[in-house]
Amino acid sequence: MKVTAFCPGHITGFFLPCEHQDPLRTGSRGAGMCVDRGVTTTVTSRPGSGRIEAIVDGRRQYAEVTLAAARRLLGDERLDLTVESQMDLPPSAGFGTSAAGALSAAFALAEILGRPPEDAFAAAHLAELANHTGLGDVAALTRGGMTFRRKEGLPPYGLIDRLTDRMDIVAAVVGGRMRTSEVLGDPSRRAMIERVGMECCRRLESEPTPEAFFRLSREFTERSGIAGERVSLALRAAEGLGASSMIMLGNSVFAAGDLEAIEKKWKPLGPTFRLSLDVLGPRVLSGGHS
């Protein structure tokens, strides 16, 4: 059987890591946006011994998060799988591509196995945690749009509000890859992230608006100390043209406002992307039982 599924990307403006013994309750509070570019994955199954092959953008790769999610869902099923993913956004740049890759594969495989979407979300969330690649992307993608993760974890434990379902932004990748595990593995950095993240969450709770999201994201960027020189340069270049901030966690930036003018400023710094909010979440595009 062959099934194709799509999952939006997700960008985070600010966050607060929250860990519990139960991994389904673990995640992050914070706010971000589910965007209309992401990862499209085709899963082909045939009788076999449980072997899984991953191909990303036409090349055979060890896509550890996607493979972990697929293995968790597959369990003891005697099927061989080919998992072919096409990425619209660059990896390790803050666009939630590991979550989108895992979720698009999990949705396709869940369709093949006759399993509910909840199982696909759980498999992707647990794969992200096990590989230290993300905390809140999968939870946000259960809701769609611009989201405020009020309480960490996957629903029903996690509590996610949608702040708006319409917005156009421009994003740019202005530096090299940034690994989530390296940033969160630094105790002093993590302590600062937790302190500022908690404050930003409290303030967004009292003013849950898109305007507050942008303002608090910028404040988090400046106070957390995560932003490097090129991110700071890009944010300065967009001053006066709209609201801009760093994408967590990546050497990337995003902005709303005069998108034409901002994109012109950012193009010399790296690849740019025009994005809109996605409210549909991960979905099967073709094949399967439907």
Protein backbone atom coordinates (compact mmCIF):
# COMPACT_ATOMS: atom_id res chain seq x y z
CA MET A 1 0.00 0.00 0.00
CA LYS A 2 1.19 3.55 -0.70
CA VAL A 3 0.00 6.63 1.26
CA THR A 4 1.16 10.26 1.01
CA ALA A 5 0.74 12.74 3.88
CA PHE A 6 1.75 16.35 4.52
CA CYS A 7 2.70 18.08 7.78
CA PRO A 8 3.18 21.84 8.16
CA GLY A 9 6.36 23.30 9.58
CA HIS A 10 6.31 25.11 12.92
CA ILE A 11 8.30 28.10 14.14
CA THR A 12 8.65 29.07 17.79
CA GLY A 13 8.87 32.64 19.05
CA PHE A 14 9.58 31.83 22.71
CA PHE A 15 9.42 28.77 24.93
CA LEU A 16 9.81 27.30 28.39
CA PRO A 17 11.07 23.68 28.62
CA CYS A 18 8.95 21.56 31.00
CA GLU A 19 9.94 17.97 31.74
CA HIS A 20 8.00 15.26 33.57
CA GLN A 21 8.42 11.53 34.16
CA ASP A 22 5.58 10.83 31.73
CA PRO A 23 6.89 11.79 28.26
CA LEU A 24 3.35 12.53 27.00
CA ARG A 25 3.16 15.26 29.68
CA THR A 26 6.66 16.54 28.82
CA GLY A 27 7.09 19.38 26.35
CA SER A 28 7.28 23.15 26.43
CA ARG A 29 5.05 26.10 27.07
CA GLY A 30 5.39 29.02 24.70
CA ALA A 31 4.08 30.40 21.43
CA GLY A 32 4.66 29.94 17.74
CA MET A 33 3.16 29.51 14.28
CA CYS A 34 2.23 26.50 12.16
CA VAL A 35 3.21 27.44 8.60
CA ASP A 36 2.02 26.35 5.16
CA ARG A 37 5.31 24.84 4.03
CA GLY A 38 6.58 21.66 5.63
CA VAL A 39 7.29 18.04 4.73
CA THR A 40 5.42 15.71 2.35
CA THR A 41 6.05 12.00 2.92
CA THR A 42 5.05 8.92 0.98
CA VAL A 43 5.12 5.61 2.85
CA THR A 44 5.07 2.42 0.80
CA SER A 45 4.43 -0.84 2.67
CA ARG A 46 4.83 -4.47 1.62
CA PRO A 47 4.96 -7.80 3.48
CA GLY A 48 8.35 -8.30 5.10
CA SER A 49 10.31 -8.35 8.34
CA GLY A 50 9.94 -4.76 9.64
CA ARG A 51 12.79 -3.16 7.67
CA ILE A 52 12.43 0.62 7.18
CA GLU A 53 14.30 2.65 4.57
CA ALA A 54 14.25 6.47 4.67
CA ILE A 55 14.81 8.68 1.63
CA VAL A 56 14.92 12.47 2.08
CA ASP A 57 14.87 14.77 -0.96
CA GLY A 58 15.83 11.85 -3.19
CA ARG A 59 18.77 10.65 -1.08
CA ARG A 60 18.92 7.65 1.26
CA GLN A 61 19.45 9.03 4.77
CA TYR A 62 19.31 8.03 8.42
CA ALA A 63 16.37 10.27 9.38
CA GLU A 64 16.45 9.27 13.04
CA VAL A 65 13.29 11.04 14.25
CA THR A 66 11.17 9.86 11.33
CA LEU A 67 12.51 6.32 11.67
CA ALA A 68 11.88 6.30 15.44
CA ALA A 69 8.27 7.44 14.94
CA ALA A 70 7.68 4.83 12.21
CA ARG A 71 9.19 2.02 14.31
CA ARG A 72 7.04 2.96 17.30
CA LEU A 73 3.87 2.84 15.19
CA LEU A 74 4.86 -0.30 13.28
CA GLY A 75 5.48 -2.36 16.41
CA ASP A 76 5.50 -6.07 15.55
CA GLU A 77 3.73 -5.69 12.19
CA ARG A 78 5.45 -7.79 9.54
CA LEU A 79 5.84 -5.03 6.97
CA ASP A 80 8.80 -3.47 5.18
CA LEU A 81 8.50 0.28 4.64
CA THR A 82 10.00 2.82 2.27
CA VAL A 83 9.59 6.34 3.68
CA GLU A 84 10.22 9.07 1.08
CA SER A 85 10.14 12.69 2.28
CA GLN A 86 10.30 15.97 0.38
CA MET A 87 11.20 19.05 2.45
CA ASP A 88 9.99 22.57 1.67
CA LEU A 89 12.12 24.15 4.42
CA PRO A 90 15.76 23.67 5.52
CA PRO A 91 16.60 21.34 8.45
CA SER A 92 18.14 22.53 11.76
CA ALA A 93 17.04 26.11 11.06
CA GLY A 94 14.09 26.34 13.47
CA PHE A 95 11.26 25.35 11.12
CA GLY A 96 10.30 22.17 13.00
CA THR A 97 11.28 19.94 10.09
CA SER A 98 12.12 16.95 12.31
CA ALA A 99 8.60 17.09 13.78
CA ALA A 100 7.06 17.63 10.32
CA GLY A 101 9.04 14.74 8.85
CA ALA A 102 8.10 12.41 11.69
CA LEU A 103 4.43 13.47 11.70
CA SER A 104 3.94 13.26 7.93
CA ALA A 105 5.43 9.74 7.99
CA ALA A 106 3.40 8.78 11.06
CA PHE A 107 0.13 10.02 9.52
CA ALA A 108 0.80 8.06 6.32
CA LEU A 109 1.72 4.92 8.25
CA ALA A 110 -1.25 5.26 10.64
CA GLU A 111 -3.51 5.33 7.57
CA ILE A 112 -1.89 2.13 6.28
CA LEU A 113 -2.27 0.41 9.66
CA GLY A 114 -5.78 1.70 10.33
CA ARG A 115 -4.64 3.56 13.45
CA PRO A 116 -6.09 6.89 14.73
CA PRO A 117 -4.33 10.29 14.37
CA GLU A 118 -3.71 10.35 18.15
CA ASP A 119 -1.31 7.41 17.74
CA ALA A 120 0.59 9.28 15.01
CA PHE A 121 0.92 12.40 17.18
CA ALA A 122 2.14 10.33 20.15
CA ALA A 123 4.69 8.44 18.03
CA ALA A 124 6.13 11.67 16.60
CA HIS A 125 6.20 13.44 20.00
CA LEU A 126 7.99 10.52 21.68
CA ALA A 127 10.47 10.28 18.79
CA GLU A 128 11.29 14.00 19.12
CA LEU A 129 11.87 13.68 22.87
CA ALA A 130 14.01 10.54 22.49
CA ASN A 131 16.25 12.26 19.93
CA HIS A 132 16.37 15.66 21.74
CA THR A 133 15.23 17.46 18.58
CA GLY A 134 12.18 19.32 19.91
CA LEU A 135 9.76 19.74 22.78
CA GLY A 136 6.65 21.58 21.64
CA ASP A 137 6.39 21.39 17.84
CA VAL A 138 4.20 18.27 17.73
CA ALA A 139 1.83 19.64 20.39
CA ALA A 140 1.46 22.94 18.49
CA LEU A 141 0.74 21.03 15.27
CA THR A 142 -2.27 19.37 16.91
CA ARG A 143 -3.90 22.85 17.03
CA GLY A 144 -2.70 24.84 13.99
CA GLY A 145 -2.47 28.57 13.28
CA MET A 146 -0.61 30.88 15.68
CA THR A 147 -0.58 28.94 18.93
CA PHE A 148 -0.05 29.58 22.62
CA ARG A 149 0.97 26.41 24.44
CA ARG A 150 -0.43 27.24 27.88
CA LYS A 151 0.38 23.85 29.34
CA GLU A 152 3.12 21.48 28.18
CA GLY A 153 2.62 18.02 26.71
CA LEU A 154 0.39 16.42 24.11
CA PRO A 155 -3.39 16.87 24.46
CA PRO A 156 -5.25 15.95 26.57
CA TYR A 157 -2.42 16.86 28.98
CA GLY A 158 -1.20 19.81 26.95
CA LEU A 159 -3.41 22.87 26.58
CA ILE A 160 -3.00 24.81 23.33
CA ASP A 161 -4.91 27.95 22.34
CA ARG A 162 -5.04 29.42 18.85
CA LEU A 163 -4.34 33.18 18.82
CA THR A 164 -5.18 33.72 15.15
CA ASP A 165 -5.62 31.66 11.99
CA ARG A 166 -4.56 34.29 9.43
CA MET A 167 -1.16 35.90 9.03
CA ASP A 168 1.49 36.27 6.34
CA ILE A 169 5.15 36.46 7.29
CA VAL A 170 8.59 36.39 5.74
CA ALA A 171 11.38 34.25 7.21
CA ALA A 172 15.09 34.03 6.43
CA VAL A 173 17.90 31.62 7.31
CA VAL A 174 20.89 33.80 8.11
CA GLY A 175 23.40 31.37 9.67
CA GLY A 176 24.47 27.73 9.98
CA ARG A 177 22.60 24.86 11.59
CA MET A 178 21.70 25.11 15.28
CA ARG A 179 21.06 21.95 17.26
CA THR A 180 18.37 22.09 19.94
CA SER A 181 20.22 19.58 22.12
CA GLU A 182 23.38 21.75 22.21
CA VAL A 183 21.52 24.89 23.31
CA LEU A 184 19.39 23.16 25.97
CA GLY A 185 22.36 21.09 27.15
CA ASP A 186 24.17 24.23 28.37
CA PRO A 187 23.06 24.73 32.03
CA SER A 188 23.56 28.52 32.18
CA ARG A 189 21.81 29.08 28.85
CA ARG A 190 18.96 26.82 29.89
CA ALA A 191 18.53 28.65 33.21
CA MET A 192 18.20 31.98 31.37
CA ILE A 193 15.76 30.47 28.83
CA GLU A 194 13.61 29.12 31.67
CA ARG A 195 13.58 32.42 33.55
CA VAL A 196 12.70 34.59 30.54
CA GLY A 197 10.39 31.95 29.02
CA MET A 198 8.31 31.73 32.20
CA GLU A 199 7.91 35.51 32.25
CA CYS A 200 6.89 35.68 28.57
CA CYS A 201 4.32 32.91 29.07
CA ARG A 202 2.77 34.73 32.04
CA ARG A 203 2.53 37.97 30.07
CA LEU A 204 1.01 36.33 26.99
CA GLU A 205 -1.56 34.69 29.25
CA SER A 206 -2.75 38.12 30.35
CA GLU A 207 -2.67 39.50 26.76
CA PRO A 208 -3.18 36.59 24.31
CA THR A 209 -2.88 38.54 21.03
CA PRO A 210 -0.68 38.30 17.90
CA GLU A 211 0.78 41.72 18.74
CA ALA A 212 1.86 40.53 22.19
CA PHE A 213 3.29 37.35 20.63
CA PHE A 214 5.62 39.37 18.40
CA ARG A 215 6.60 41.76 21.18
CA LEU A 216 7.36 38.98 23.67
CA SER A 217 9.21 36.88 21.05
CA ARG A 218 11.56 39.82 20.41
CA GLU A 219 12.04 40.34 24.14
CA PHE A 220 12.82 36.64 24.59
CA THR A 221 15.36 36.83 21.74
CA GLU A 222 17.15 39.78 23.32
CA ARG A 223 17.10 38.61 26.94
CA SER A 224 17.81 34.88 26.44
CA GLY A 225 21.20 35.47 24.85
CA ILE A 226 20.63 32.86 22.13
CA ALA A 227 20.88 35.23 19.16
CA GLY A 228 24.20 35.34 17.34
CA GLU A 229 25.73 38.19 15.37
CA ARG A 230 24.01 37.44 12.06
CA VAL A 231 20.57 37.09 13.66
CA SER A 232 21.07 40.45 15.42
CA LEU A 233 22.20 42.01 12.12
CA ALA A 234 19.06 40.74 10.35
CA LEU A 235 16.77 42.05 13.10
CA ARG A 236 18.42 45.48 12.97
CA ALA A 237 17.97 45.53 9.17
CA ALA A 238 14.20 45.06 9.59
CA GLU A 239 13.77 47.85 12.16
CA GLY A 240 10.92 50.21 11.30
CA LEU A 241 9.49 47.84 8.67
CA GLY A 242 7.46 45.55 10.95
CA ALA A 243 7.66 43.23 13.95
CA SER A 244 10.56 40.79 13.74
CA SER A 245 12.24 38.19 15.93
CA MET A 246 14.48 35.11 15.97
CA ILE A 247 13.10 31.64 15.24
CA MET A 248 13.72 29.29 18.19
CA LEU A 249 15.95 27.36 17.88
CA GLY A 250 17.67 28.26 14.63
CA ASN A 251 19.89 30.87 13.03
CA SER A 252 16.76 32.22 11.36
CA VAL A 253 14.43 35.21 11.68
CA PHE A 254 10.76 35.95 10.93
CA ALA A 255 8.72 39.11 10.54
CA ALA A 256 5.27 40.53 9.81
CA GLY A 257 4.74 43.99 8.31
CA ASP A 258 6.10 45.33 5.02
CA LEU A 259 7.09 41.88 3.75
CA GLU A 260 8.43 43.17 0.42
CA ALA A 261 10.78 45.63 2.08
CA ILE A 262 11.89 43.20 4.80
CA GLU A 263 12.57 40.43 2.29
CA LYS A 264 14.71 42.84 0.25
CA LYS A 265 16.80 43.59 3.37
CA TRP A 266 17.17 39.91 4.26
CA LYS A 267 17.87 38.39 0.82
CA PRO A 268 21.62 39.24 0.94
CA LEU A 269 21.87 37.43 4.33
CA GLY A 270 20.43 34.05 3.27
CA PRO A 271 17.47 32.22 1.70
CA THR A 272 14.07 33.78 2.38
CA PHE A 273 10.59 32.22 2.54
CA ARG A 274 7.12 33.74 2.30
CA LEU A 275 4.85 31.83 4.65
CA SER A 276 1.21 31.86 5.79
CA LEU A 277 -0.43 30.16 8.74
CA ASP A 278 -1.65 26.57 8.37
CA VAL A 279 -4.74 25.62 10.37
CA LEU A 280 -5.40 22.13 8.96
CA GLY A 281 -2.42 20.35 10.57
CA PRO A 282 -0.96 17.03 9.39
CA ARG A 283 -3.18 15.30 6.83
CA VAL A 284 -3.30 12.39 4.40
CA LEU A 285 -3.17 13.62 0.80
CA SER A 286 -3.65 10.38 -1.14
CA GLY A 287 -3.86 6.60 -0.88
CA GLY A 288 -4.93 4.45 2.03
CA HIS A 289 -8.40 3.37 3.07
CA SER A 290 -10.37 6.55 2.27
